[in-house]
Amino acid sequence: MNRKADKVDTAWRKSRVAARLLLCQASRPLRPREQALAIRLSQDNEVSNRLIQQALYFLGIGSRKHEFDQKLVGRGN
């Protein structure tokens, strides 16, 4: 098996999980287990903002991306 392909796949998988956590955060407070996972993923070097953005589009955010970003930023304050 190709090691590089495995690493890319792992990064993509982690980014999709991070995107799902962001979607959950937009609709409700995260549970302690989800918060712990979000912290771990935020410190992971394989998970990049670009991959999370692509995962959000993959999960169907698409044209609502700006509205989604504003909702998350407003929630953080």
PDB file of N, CA and C in Angstrom:
ATOM      1  N   MET A   1       0.818  -1.182   0.000  1.00  0.00           N
ATOM      2  CA  MET A   1       0.000   0.000   0.000  1.00  0.00           C
ATOM      3  C   MET A   1       0.865   1.250   0.000  1.00  0.00           C
ATOM      4  N   ASN A   2       0.383   2.284  -0.608  1.00  0.00           N
ATOM      5  CA  ASN A   2       1.111   3.539  -0.712  1.00  0.00           C
ATOM      6  C   ASN A   2       0.948   4.346   0.580  1.00  0.00           C
ATOM      7  N   ARG A   3       2.039   4.578   1.277  1.00  0.00           N
ATOM      8  CA  ARG A   3       2.005   5.295   2.565  1.00  0.00           C
ATOM      9  C   ARG A   3       1.497   6.730   2.400  1.00  0.00           C
ATOM     10  N   LYS A   4       1.899   7.404   1.337  1.00  0.00           N
ATOM     11  CA  LYS A   4       1.485   8.781   1.134  1.00  0.00           C
ATOM     12  C   LYS A   4      -0.032   8.862   0.947  1.00  0.00           C
ATOM     13  N   ALA A   5      -0.598   7.949   0.195  1.00  0.00           N
ATOM     14  CA  ALA A   5      -2.044   7.926  -0.005  1.00  0.00           C
ATOM     15  C   ALA A   5      -2.769   7.665   1.313  1.00  0.00           C
ATOM     16  N   ASP A   6      -2.217   6.813   2.162  1.00  0.00           N
ATOM     17  CA  ASP A   6      -2.820   6.551   3.466  1.00  0.00           C
ATOM     18  C   ASP A   6      -2.834   7.813   4.320  1.00  0.00           C
ATOM     19  N   LYS A   7      -1.743   8.563   4.292  1.00  0.00           N
ATOM     20  CA  LYS A   7      -1.637   9.780   5.092  1.00  0.00           C
ATOM     21  C   LYS A   7      -2.642  10.826   4.615  1.00  0.00           C
ATOM     22  N   VAL A   8      -2.774  10.984   3.332  1.00  0.00           N
ATOM     23  CA  VAL A   8      -3.738  11.934   2.786  1.00  0.00           C
ATOM     24  C   VAL A   8      -5.142  11.515   3.187  1.00  0.00           C
ATOM     25  N   ASP A   9      -5.436  10.259   3.096  1.00  0.00           N
ATOM     26  CA  ASP A   9      -6.749   9.761   3.462  1.00  0.00           C
ATOM     27  C   ASP A   9      -7.029  10.002   4.940  1.00  0.00           C
ATOM     28  N   THR A  10      -6.030   9.801   5.789  1.00  0.00           N
ATOM     29  CA  THR A  10      -6.186  10.036   7.218  1.00  0.00           C
ATOM     30  C   THR A  10      -6.469  11.506   7.491  1.00  0.00           C
ATOM     31  N   ALA A  11      -5.749  12.389   6.844  1.00  0.00           N
ATOM     32  CA  ALA A  11      -5.953  13.819   7.027  1.00  0.00           C
ATOM     33  C   ALA A  11      -7.357  14.226   6.580  1.00  0.00           C
ATOM     34  N   TRP A  12      -7.807  13.668   5.475  1.00  0.00           N
ATOM     35  CA  TRP A  12      -9.150  13.975   4.964  1.00  0.00           C
ATOM     36  C   TRP A  12     -10.208  13.471   5.936  1.00  0.00           C
ATOM     37  N   ARG A  13     -10.020  12.288   6.465  1.00  0.00           N
ATOM     38  CA  ARG A  13     -10.973  11.724   7.421  1.00  0.00           C
ATOM     39  C   ARG A  13     -11.061  12.583   8.685  1.00  0.00           C
ATOM     40  N   LYS A  14      -9.918  12.985   9.206  1.00  0.00           N
ATOM     41  CA  LYS A  14      -9.891  13.836  10.403  1.00  0.00           C
ATOM     42  C   LYS A  14     -10.544  15.183  10.121  1.00  0.00           C
ATOM     43  N   SER A  15     -10.329  15.717   8.944  1.00  0.00           N
ATOM     44  CA  SER A  15     -10.921  17.005   8.585  1.00  0.00           C
ATOM     45  C   SER A  15     -12.431  16.914   8.457  1.00  0.00           C
ATOM     46  N   ARG A  16     -12.931  15.797   7.962  1.00  0.00           N
ATOM     47  CA  ARG A  16     -14.383  15.605   7.898  1.00  0.00           C
ATOM     48  C   ARG A  16     -14.987  15.542   9.290  1.00  0.00           C
ATOM     49  N   VAL A  17     -14.298  14.887  10.214  1.00  0.00           N
ATOM     50  CA  VAL A  17     -14.773  14.840  11.608  1.00  0.00           C
ATOM     51  C   VAL A  17     -14.790  16.249  12.187  1.00  0.00           C
ATOM     52  N   ALA A  18     -13.737  17.014  11.936  1.00  0.00           N
ATOM     53  CA  ALA A  18     -13.676  18.391  12.423  1.00  0.00           C
ATOM     54  C   ALA A  18     -14.816  19.229  11.836  1.00  0.00           C
ATOM     55  N   ALA A  19     -15.114  19.030  10.570  1.00  0.00           N
ATOM     56  CA  ALA A  19     -16.213  19.762   9.929  1.00  0.00           C
ATOM     57  C   ALA A  19     -17.552  19.380  10.560  1.00  0.00           C
ATOM     58  N   ARG A  20     -17.736  18.110  10.848  1.00  0.00           N
ATOM     59  CA  ARG A  20     -18.981  17.680  11.506  1.00  0.00           C
ATOM     60  C   ARG A  20     -19.112  18.302  12.891  1.00  0.00           C
ATOM     61  N   LEU A  21     -17.993  18.413  13.591  1.00  0.00           N
ATOM     62  CA  LEU A  21     -18.024  19.058  14.906  1.00  0.00           C
ATOM     63  C   LEU A  21     -18.402  20.537  14.779  1.00  0.00           C
ATOM     64  N   LEU A  22     -17.906  21.199  13.748  1.00  0.00           N
ATOM     65  CA  LEU A  22     -18.287  22.590  13.519  1.00  0.00           C
ATOM     66  C   LEU A  22     -19.775  22.720  13.226  1.00  0.00           C
ATOM     67  N   LEU A  23     -20.306  21.783  12.460  1.00  0.00           N
ATOM     68  CA  LEU A  23     -21.742  21.801  12.174  1.00  0.00           C
ATOM     69  C   LEU A  23     -22.556  21.588  13.449  1.00  0.00           C
ATOM     70  N   CYS A  24     -22.098  20.688  14.295  1.00  0.00           N
ATOM     71  CA  CYS A  24     -22.781  20.464  15.579  1.00  0.00           C
ATOM     72  C   CYS A  24     -22.718  21.715  16.442  1.00  0.00           C
ATOM     73  N   GLN A  25     -21.564  22.361  16.466  1.00  0.00           N
ATOM     74  CA  GLN A  25     -21.382  23.563  17.279  1.00  0.00           C
ATOM     75  C   GLN A  25     -22.298  24.687  16.810  1.00  0.00           C
ATOM     76  N   ALA A  26     -22.583  24.733  15.531  1.00  0.00           N
ATOM     77  CA  ALA A  26     -23.457  25.773  15.003  1.00  0.00           C
ATOM     78  C   ALA A  26     -24.904  25.581  15.454  1.00  0.00           C
ATOM     79  N   SER A  27     -25.286  24.355  15.755  1.00  0.00           N
ATOM     80  CA  SER A  27     -26.672  24.101  16.114  1.00  0.00           C
ATOM     81  C   SER A  27     -26.903  23.914  17.616  1.00  0.00           C
ATOM     82  N   ARG A  28     -25.868  23.533  18.343  1.00  0.00           N
ATOM     83  CA  ARG A  28     -26.015  23.293  19.781  1.00  0.00           C
ATOM     84  C   ARG A  28     -24.637  23.312  20.431  1.00  0.00           C
ATOM     85  N   PRO A  29     -24.598  23.450  21.765  1.00  0.00           N
ATOM     86  CA  PRO A  29     -23.289  23.376  22.445  1.00  0.00           C
ATOM     87  C   PRO A  29     -22.692  21.970  22.313  1.00  0.00           C
ATOM     88  N   LEU A  30     -21.378  21.929  22.204  1.00  0.00           N
ATOM     89  CA  LEU A  30     -20.717  20.631  22.102  1.00  0.00           C
ATOM     90  C   LEU A  30     -20.700  19.932  23.459  1.00  0.00           C
ATOM     91  N   ARG A  31     -20.838  18.628  23.414  1.00  0.00           N
ATOM     92  CA  ARG A  31     -20.738  17.812  24.626  1.00  0.00           C
ATOM     93  C   ARG A  31     -19.266  17.725  25.027  1.00  0.00           C
ATOM     94  N   PRO A  32     -18.985  17.399  26.281  1.00  0.00           N
ATOM     95  CA  PRO A  32     -17.582  17.324  26.734  1.00  0.00           C
ATOM     96  C   PRO A  32     -16.712  16.404  25.878  1.00  0.00           C
ATOM     97  N   ARG A  33     -17.251  15.266  25.478  1.00  0.00           N
ATOM     98  CA  ARG A  33     -16.480  14.346  24.630  1.00  0.00           C
ATOM     99  C   ARG A  33     -16.162  14.973  23.280  1.00  0.00           C
ATOM    100  N   GLU A  34     -17.140  15.688  22.714  1.00  0.00           N
ATOM    101  CA  GLU A  34     -16.930  16.358  21.438  1.00  0.00           C
ATOM    102  C   GLU A  34     -15.931  17.503  21.583  1.00  0.00           C
ATOM    103  N   GLN A  35     -15.987  18.216  22.696  1.00  0.00           N
ATOM    104  CA  GLN A  35     -15.032  19.296  22.937  1.00  0.00           C
ATOM    105  C   GLN A  35     -13.607  18.750  23.017  1.00  0.00           C
ATOM    106  N   ALA A  36     -13.442  17.628  23.699  1.00  0.00           N
ATOM    107  CA  ALA A  36     -12.116  17.020  23.816  1.00  0.00           C
ATOM    108  C   ALA A  36     -11.592  16.605  22.439  1.00  0.00           C
ATOM    109  N   LEU A  37     -12.458  16.037  21.625  1.00  0.00           N
ATOM    110  CA  LEU A  37     -12.059  15.633  20.275  1.00  0.00           C
ATOM    111  C   LEU A  37     -11.706  16.858  19.432  1.00  0.00           C
ATOM    112  N   ALA A  38     -12.494  17.927  19.561  1.00  0.00           N
ATOM    113  CA  ALA A  38     -12.220  19.154  18.811  1.00  0.00           C
ATOM    114  C   ALA A  38     -10.857  19.729  19.194  1.00  0.00           C
ATOM    115  N   ILE A  39     -10.523  19.679  20.467  1.00  0.00           N
ATOM    116  CA  ILE A  39      -9.218  20.177  20.911  1.00  0.00           C
ATOM    117  C   ILE A  39      -8.101  19.333  20.319  1.00  0.00           C
ATOM    118  N   ARG A  40      -8.276  18.024  20.341  1.00  0.00           N
ATOM    119  CA  ARG A  40      -7.249  17.135  19.766  1.00  0.00           C
ATOM    120  C   ARG A  40      -7.068  17.393  18.275  1.00  0.00           C
ATOM    121  N   LEU A  41      -8.174  17.565  17.562  1.00  0.00           N
ATOM    122  CA  LEU A  41      -8.087  17.801  16.122  1.00  0.00           C
ATOM    123  C   LEU A  41      -7.487  19.172  15.819  1.00  0.00           C
ATOM    124  N   SER A  42      -7.754  20.163  16.660  1.00  0.00           N
ATOM    125  CA  SER A  42      -7.201  21.497  16.415  1.00  0.00           C
ATOM    126  C   SER A  42      -5.685  21.523  16.596  1.00  0.00           C
ATOM    127  N   GLN A  43      -5.158  20.593  17.365  1.00  0.00           N
ATOM    128  CA  GLN A  43      -3.716  20.526  17.590  1.00  0.00           C
ATOM    129  C   GLN A  43      -3.014  19.569  16.628  1.00  0.00           C
ATOM    130  N   ASP A  44      -3.776  18.870  15.804  1.00  0.00           N
ATOM    131  CA  ASP A  44      -3.218  17.905  14.857  1.00  0.00           C
ATOM    132  C   ASP A  44      -2.687  18.628  13.621  1.00  0.00           C
ATOM    133  N   ASN A  45      -1.449  18.360  13.256  1.00  0.00           N
ATOM    134  CA  ASN A  45      -0.828  19.015  12.102  1.00  0.00           C
ATOM    135  C   ASN A  45      -1.428  18.586  10.767  1.00  0.00           C
ATOM    136  N   GLU A  46      -2.031  17.407  10.705  1.00  0.00           N
ATOM    137  CA  GLU A  46      -2.618  16.929   9.442  1.00  0.00           C
ATOM    138  C   GLU A  46      -3.908  17.653   9.095  1.00  0.00           C
ATOM    139  N   VAL A  47      -4.597  18.170  10.085  1.00  0.00           N
ATOM    140  CA  VAL A  47      -5.884  18.830   9.869  1.00  0.00           C
ATOM    141  C   VAL A  47      -5.626  20.303   9.557  1.00  0.00           C
ATOM    142  N   SER A  48      -5.956  20.695   8.342  1.00  0.00           N
ATOM    143  CA  SER A  48      -5.721  22.080   7.932  1.00  0.00           C
ATOM    144  C   SER A  48      -7.058  22.786   7.698  1.00  0.00           C
ATOM    145  N   ASN A  49      -7.011  24.107   7.735  1.00  0.00           N
ATOM    146  CA  ASN A  49      -8.219  24.888   7.483  1.00  0.00           C
ATOM    147  C   ASN A  49      -8.786  24.591   6.098  1.00  0.00           C
ATOM    148  N   ARG A  50      -7.900  24.433   5.141  1.00  0.00           N
ATOM    149  CA  ARG A  50      -8.330  24.169   3.764  1.00  0.00           C
ATOM    150  C   ARG A  50      -9.071  22.832   3.663  1.00  0.00           C
ATOM    151  N   LEU A  51      -8.552  21.798   4.321  1.00  0.00           N
ATOM    152  CA  LEU A  51      -9.233  20.500   4.290  1.00  0.00           C
ATOM    153  C   LEU A  51     -10.572  20.563   5.012  1.00  0.00           C
ATOM    154  N   ILE A  52     -10.640  21.314   6.100  1.00  0.00           N
ATOM    155  CA  ILE A  52     -11.919  21.464   6.808  1.00  0.00           C
ATOM    156  C   ILE A  52     -12.918  22.193   5.917  1.00  0.00           C
ATOM    157  N   GLN A  53     -12.456  23.226   5.218  1.00  0.00           N
ATOM    158  CA  GLN A  53     -13.328  23.952   4.300  1.00  0.00           C
ATOM    159  C   GLN A  53     -13.848  23.024   3.197  1.00  0.00           C
ATOM    160  N   GLN A  54     -12.976  22.207   2.626  1.00  0.00           N
ATOM    161  CA  GLN A  54     -13.405  21.262   1.600  1.00  0.00           C
ATOM    162  C   GLN A  54     -14.397  20.257   2.175  1.00  0.00           C
ATOM    163  N   ALA A  55     -14.168  19.820   3.404  1.00  0.00           N
ATOM    164  CA  ALA A  55     -15.084  18.871   4.045  1.00  0.00           C
ATOM    165  C   ALA A  55     -16.448  19.507   4.279  1.00  0.00           C
ATOM    166  N   LEU A  56     -16.468  20.785   4.649  1.00  0.00           N
ATOM    167  CA  LEU A  56     -17.751  21.471   4.831  1.00  0.00           C
ATOM    168  C   LEU A  56     -18.534  21.511   3.520  1.00  0.00           C
ATOM    169  N   TYR A  57     -17.840  21.816   2.431  1.00  0.00           N
ATOM    170  CA  TYR A  57     -18.501  21.794   1.127  1.00  0.00           C
ATOM    171  C   TYR A  57     -18.981  20.389   0.792  1.00  0.00           C
ATOM    172  N   PHE A  58     -18.176  19.395   1.094  1.00  0.00           N
ATOM    173  CA  PHE A  58     -18.531  17.994   0.855  1.00  0.00           C
ATOM    174  C   PHE A  58     -19.798  17.620   1.633  1.00  0.00           C
ATOM    175  N   LEU A  59     -19.923  18.160   2.837  1.00  0.00           N
ATOM    176  CA  LEU A  59     -21.075  17.851   3.686  1.00  0.00           C
ATOM    177  C   LEU A  59     -22.305  18.699   3.359  1.00  0.00           C
ATOM    178  N   GLY A  60     -22.192  19.591   2.383  1.00  0.00           N
ATOM    179  CA  GLY A  60     -23.370  20.302   1.897  1.00  0.00           C
ATOM    180  C   GLY A  60     -23.523  21.741   2.338  1.00  0.00           C
ATOM    181  N   ILE A  61     -22.497  22.362   2.881  1.00  0.00           N
ATOM    182  CA  ILE A  61     -22.605  23.770   3.270  1.00  0.00           C
ATOM    183  C   ILE A  61     -22.662  24.650   2.023  1.00  0.00           C
ATOM    184  N   GLY A  62     -21.743  24.445   1.118  1.00  0.00           N
ATOM    185  CA  GLY A  62     -21.728  25.125  -0.178  1.00  0.00           C
ATOM    186  C   GLY A  62     -22.015  26.611  -0.136  1.00  0.00           C
ATOM    187  N   SER A  63     -23.138  27.013  -0.711  1.00  0.00           N
ATOM    188  CA  SER A  63     -23.465  28.430  -0.843  1.00  0.00           C
ATOM    189  C   SER A  63     -23.782  29.086   0.494  1.00  0.00           C
ATOM    190  N   ARG A  64     -24.030  28.314   1.537  1.00  0.00           N
ATOM    191  CA  ARG A  64     -24.329  28.872   2.866  1.00  0.00           C
ATOM    192  C   ARG A  64     -23.068  29.085   3.693  1.00  0.00           C
ATOM    193  N   LYS A  65     -21.887  28.951   3.097  1.00  0.00           N
ATOM    194  CA  LYS A  65     -20.621  29.022   3.829  1.00  0.00           C
ATOM    195  C   LYS A  65     -20.449  30.347   4.560  1.00  0.00           C
ATOM    196  N   HIS A  66     -20.743  31.452   3.908  1.00  0.00           N
ATOM    197  CA  HIS A  66     -20.567  32.754   4.550  1.00  0.00           C
ATOM    198  C   HIS A  66     -21.499  32.881   5.760  1.00  0.00           C
ATOM    199  N   GLU A  67     -22.746  32.512   5.588  1.00  0.00           N
ATOM    200  CA  GLU A  67     -23.720  32.552   6.696  1.00  0.00           C
ATOM    201  C   GLU A  67     -23.267  31.652   7.846  1.00  0.00           C
ATOM    202  N   PHE A  68     -22.755  30.491   7.517  1.00  0.00           N
ATOM    203  CA  PHE A  68     -22.259  29.550   8.519  1.00  0.00           C
ATOM    204  C   PHE A  68     -21.077  30.138   9.283  1.00  0.00           C
ATOM    205  N   ASP A  69     -20.142  30.759   8.578  1.00  0.00           N
ATOM    206  CA  ASP A  69     -18.988  31.392   9.218  1.00  0.00           C
ATOM    207  C   ASP A  69     -19.422  32.498  10.169  1.00  0.00           C
ATOM    208  N   GLN A  70     -20.368  33.315   9.731  1.00  0.00           N
ATOM    209  CA  GLN A  70     -20.846  34.411  10.576  1.00  0.00           C
ATOM    210  C   GLN A  70     -21.520  33.891  11.842  1.00  0.00           C
ATOM    211  N   LYS A  71     -22.239  32.808  11.720  1.00  0.00           N
ATOM    212  CA  LYS A  71     -22.905  32.206  12.877  1.00  0.00           C
ATOM    213  C   LYS A  71     -21.874  31.692  13.888  1.00  0.00           C
ATOM    214  N   LEU A  72     -20.810  31.047  13.391  1.00  0.00           N
ATOM    215  CA  LEU A  72     -19.767  30.536  14.289  1.00  0.00           C
ATOM    216  C   LEU A  72     -18.995  31.672  14.950  1.00  0.00           C
ATOM    217  N   VAL A  73     -18.689  32.719  14.213  1.00  0.00           N
ATOM    218  CA  VAL A  73     -17.944  33.845  14.768  1.00  0.00           C
ATOM    219  C   VAL A  73     -18.802  34.562  15.812  1.00  0.00           C
ATOM    220  N   GLY A  74     -20.073  34.719  15.536  1.00  0.00           N
ATOM    221  CA  GLY A  74     -20.969  35.365  16.490  1.00  0.00           C
ATOM    222  C   GLY A  74     -21.131  34.562  17.755  1.00  0.00           C
ATOM    223  N   ARG A  75     -21.092  33.255  17.641  1.00  0.00           N
ATOM    224  CA  ARG A  75     -21.228  32.373  18.800  1.00  0.00           C
ATOM    225  C   ARG A  75     -19.997  32.435  19.688  1.00  0.00           C
ATOM    226  N   GLY A  76     -18.829  32.689  19.083  1.00  0.00           N
ATOM    227  CA  GLY A  76     -17.589  32.722  19.842  1.00  0.00           C
ATOM    228  C   GLY A  76     -17.459  33.932  20.756  1.00  0.00           C
ATOM    229  N   ASN A  77     -18.202  35.003  20.487  1.00  0.00           N
ATOM    230  CA  ASN A  77     -18.091  36.227  21.291  1.00  0.00           C
ATOM    231  C   ASN A  77     -18.907  36.171  22.536  1.00  0.00           C
TER     232      ASN A  77
END
